Amino acid sequence: MNAETEGTLLAFLALLALGLEPAVIKANPSSPLGFIVLSVFFASLVLWAVLLATGRFREIREKPAGIKKTFLTGLFATAIAYSLYSLGTSMSTAINSGIITRIEVFYSLAIGWLLLRERVSGKTVAASLLLFGGVFLVLTQGRLITPRKGDVLLFITPLFWQLGHAVAKFTDYSPLTITTLRNTFGFLIMLPFAFVGGVEFTWLAVMEGLIIAATQFLWYASISRINLSKATAILTPAPAVTIAVAVAFLGEKVSVYHFLGFLLVAAGTLLVAFEKSERR
């Protein structure tokens, strides 16, 4: 299996894990900042256990220059982005959160082209538009979304995810090490702010920590093999996956907007999945 195929499959696995996240964050009954700090802490514990068991931790000592880059990834993609994500979702709705943060695909196209010198084809742009349109139809059922207080925070959240991912592309560590250090630094940066609203243990925080650990490991394994813009486009239907699970296993009804939305998502996903990752 070549790197392109491996990276594409890993991105699809990350998509499945990511589809659960907005619902878990929205269901959290405690302080949004305290919740996300605790979640990142649990993610770090899981990742450090795996890192130590596999012996990958040795590369931190062998390549100390990578520590500064993983710190920046932790600052942008975890500390800033997850704080905005958790606060924004708590002040908005799960539907708004699911739609607005999918603007990430357009941030990734710009950053991939400008900073990473990735080739962004017309097919990739068309696929991204189809994916975003499909997710919008599935989540809104054809209705306009009502702006909420946290929507501005949700709109800028993906920018910091993508800035962190761009730094990670230049980091000479394995995906496991990048993920572990990203969450460790992110936790340490956010910790002082968590006590503003208080930290309360919940099993949802443990669940979110496991989702973070799994998603990020799969994500960095993916973008080490394929273009950042392609991998991000594959993740775009994540909220639609959540609804698909509810329809399949919870007996929820399928509307015409579900059907049309999934047609667009399927078309966009197929377009981007077969796009070759190249640099310009």
Foldseek 3Di string as FASTA:
>chain_A
DALLLLLLVLLLVLLQLLLPPLVLLQPDPADLLLLLLLLLVLLLVVLVVVCVVVVQVVVCVVCVVLLVLLLLLLVLQFQLLSSLLSVLCNFFPSLLLLLQLLCLLVLQVVCLCPPVQWDDDPLLVLLLVLLSVLSNLQSPVPDDDDDTPSNVSSNCSSNSNNVSVSSLLVRPGQQSVSLNSSSVSNSVVSVVVSPVRHHDDDVSSNSSSVSSNSSSSSNSSSCNRAGSSLSSSLSSCSNLSNVVCCVVPVVDDDDPSNVSSVVSNVVSNVSSSPDGIDGD
